[in-house]
Structures are given as structure tokens and as C-alpha cells.
C-alpha atoms as a PDB file:
ATOM      1  CA  MET A   1      21.902 -22.289  21.185  1.00  0.00           C
ATOM      2  CA  LYS A   2      20.903 -24.172  24.337  1.00  0.00           C
ATOM      3  CA  SER A   3      23.562 -26.005  26.283  1.00  0.00           C
ATOM      4  CA  ARG A   4      23.883 -29.713  25.668  1.00  0.00           C
ATOM      5  CA  ILE A   5      25.104 -30.206  29.227  1.00  0.00           C
ATOM      6  CA  ARG A   6      22.368 -31.109  31.671  1.00  0.00           C
ATOM      7  CA  ASN A   7      22.884 -31.099  35.409  1.00  0.00           C
ATOM      8  CA  THR A   8      21.168 -32.443  38.506  1.00  0.00           C
ATOM      9  CA  ILE A   9      22.453 -29.805  40.918  1.00  0.00           C
ATOM     10  CA  ARG A  10      19.027 -28.523  41.966  1.00  0.00           C
ATOM     11  CA  GLU A  11      17.812 -32.054  42.759  1.00  0.00           C
ATOM     12  CA  LEU A  12      20.993 -32.980  44.636  1.00  0.00           C
ATOM     13  CA  ARG A  13      20.929 -29.710  46.562  1.00  0.00           C
ATOM     14  CA  THR A  14      17.259 -29.843  47.560  1.00  0.00           C
ATOM     15  CA  ASP A  15      17.507 -33.540  48.501  1.00  0.00           C
ATOM     16  CA  ARG A  16      20.131 -32.476  51.032  1.00  0.00           C
ATOM     17  CA  GLY A  17      18.199 -29.450  52.275  1.00  0.00           C
ATOM     18  CA  MET A  18      20.910 -27.110  51.008  1.00  0.00           C
ATOM     19  CA  THR A  19      20.269 -23.581  49.756  1.00  0.00           C
ATOM     20  CA  GLN A  20      21.926 -22.077  46.699  1.00  0.00           C
ATOM     21  CA  GLN A  21      23.882 -19.791  49.025  1.00  0.00           C
ATOM     22  CA  GLU A  22      25.160 -22.714  51.102  1.00  0.00           C
ATOM     23  CA  LEU A  23      26.357 -24.506  47.966  1.00  0.00           C
ATOM     24  CA  ALA A  24      27.892 -21.290  46.643  1.00  0.00           C
ATOM     25  CA  ASP A  25      29.827 -20.806  49.874  1.00  0.00           C
ATOM     26  CA  ARG A  26      31.158 -24.372  49.773  1.00  0.00           C
ATOM     27  CA  ILE A  27      32.349 -24.119  46.161  1.00  0.00           C
ATOM     28  CA  GLU A  28      33.578 -20.524  46.569  1.00  0.00           C
ATOM     29  CA  MET A  29      31.250 -19.041  43.962  1.00  0.00           C
ATOM     30  CA  THR A  30      28.333 -16.608  44.137  1.00  0.00           C
ATOM     31  CA  ARG A  31      24.707 -17.616  44.600  1.00  0.00           C
ATOM     32  CA  GLN A  32      23.985 -16.032  41.226  1.00  0.00           C
ATOM     33  CA  THR A  33      26.535 -18.328  39.584  1.00  0.00           C
ATOM     34  CA  VAL A  34      24.971 -21.392  41.214  1.00  0.00           C
ATOM     35  CA  ASN A  35      21.581 -20.208  39.971  1.00  0.00           C
ATOM     36  CA  ALA A  36      22.930 -19.822  36.425  1.00  0.00           C
ATOM     37  CA  ILE A  37      24.551 -23.279  36.493  1.00  0.00           C
ATOM     38  CA  GLU A  38      21.349 -24.884  37.789  1.00  0.00           C
ATOM     39  CA  GLY A  39      19.361 -23.150  35.060  1.00  0.00           C
ATOM     40  CA  ASP A  40      21.708 -24.359  32.304  1.00  0.00           C
ATOM     41  CA  LYS A  41      22.630 -20.754  31.518  1.00  0.00           C
ATOM     42  CA  TYR A  42      26.286 -21.186  32.464  1.00  0.00           C
ATOM     43  CA  SER A  43      28.670 -24.129  32.159  1.00  0.00           C
ATOM     44  CA  PRO A  44      31.189 -24.225  34.987  1.00  0.00           C
ATOM     45  CA  SER A  45      34.871 -24.921  34.558  1.00  0.00           C
ATOM     46  CA  LEU A  46      35.997 -28.477  35.087  1.00  0.00           C
ATOM     47  CA  GLU A  47      37.490 -27.504  38.449  1.00  0.00           C
ATOM     48  CA  VAL A  48      34.184 -26.049  39.658  1.00  0.00           C
ATOM     49  CA  ALA A  49      32.306 -29.081  38.345  1.00  0.00           C
ATOM     50  CA  PHE A  50      34.560 -31.355  40.411  1.00  0.00           C
ATOM     51  CA  ARG A  51      34.082 -29.145  43.488  1.00  0.00           C
ATOM     52  CA  ILE A  52      30.311 -29.455  43.110  1.00  0.00           C
ATOM     53  CA  ALA A  53      30.518 -33.243  42.814  1.00  0.00           C
ATOM     54  CA  LEU A  54      32.762 -33.394  45.896  1.00  0.00           C
ATOM     55  CA  VAL A  55      30.299 -31.336  47.949  1.00  0.00           C
ATOM     56  CA  PHE A  56      27.555 -33.837  47.142  1.00  0.00           C
ATOM     57  CA  GLY A  57      29.849 -36.856  47.454  1.00  0.00           C
ATOM     58  CA  VAL A  58      28.854 -38.247  44.066  1.00  0.00           C
ATOM     59  CA  PRO A  59      30.683 -38.948  40.795  1.00  0.00           C
ATOM     60  CA  LEU A  60      30.962 -36.087  38.323  1.00  0.00           C
ATOM     61  CA  GLU A  61      28.782 -38.029  35.863  1.00  0.00           C
ATOM     62  CA  GLN A  62      25.920 -38.005  38.361  1.00  0.00           C
ATOM     63  CA  VAL A  63      26.007 -34.197  38.468  1.00  0.00           C
ATOM     64  CA  PHE A  64      26.628 -33.410  34.787  1.00  0.00           C
ATOM     65  CA  GLN A  65      25.517 -35.288  31.672  1.00  0.00           C
ATOM     66  CA  TYR A  66      26.210 -34.437  28.057  1.00  0.00           C
ATOM     67  CA  ARG A  67      23.164 -34.714  25.792  1.00  0.00           C
ATOM     68  CA  ARG A  68      23.702 -36.070  22.313  1.00  0.00           C
ATOM     69  CA  ASP A  69      21.097 -34.350  20.170  1.00  0.00           C
END
């Protein structure tokens, strides 16, 4: 079953000229984990989700949205 949580991490990251590795370093995760989150293959913990939002300086809701299907 596909995740109902959609994210804008790739767009936010590329808009800022940031690589997956740079984001991974800032949120203390691996590049592979960032890749999986971006690809909707892995849902991060709430703590990691907040760390990602803080890195980009945006509200959590701008990074993650829940789809109602």
C-alpha cells in the first residue's frame, strides 16, 4: 500500500541548491534515508520531520501533507 503522506522535500532541497547528503548531514540521517523519504518509501519519525522543517525554515505542513484518498 502506497503512503498517504506526500512531501515536498526534493523541491525544497533543490530550490536551495542543497544535495541529499547536505540535508542528511544537517538532520543527522544517512543520504539513503533522505532518498527514501523523498521517494515516499519511508515515513520519518515526528522528530525527524520537525528537523527537516527547521532546516528549510518552513512549517511542518509545508513539508508533509496527508492525502485523504
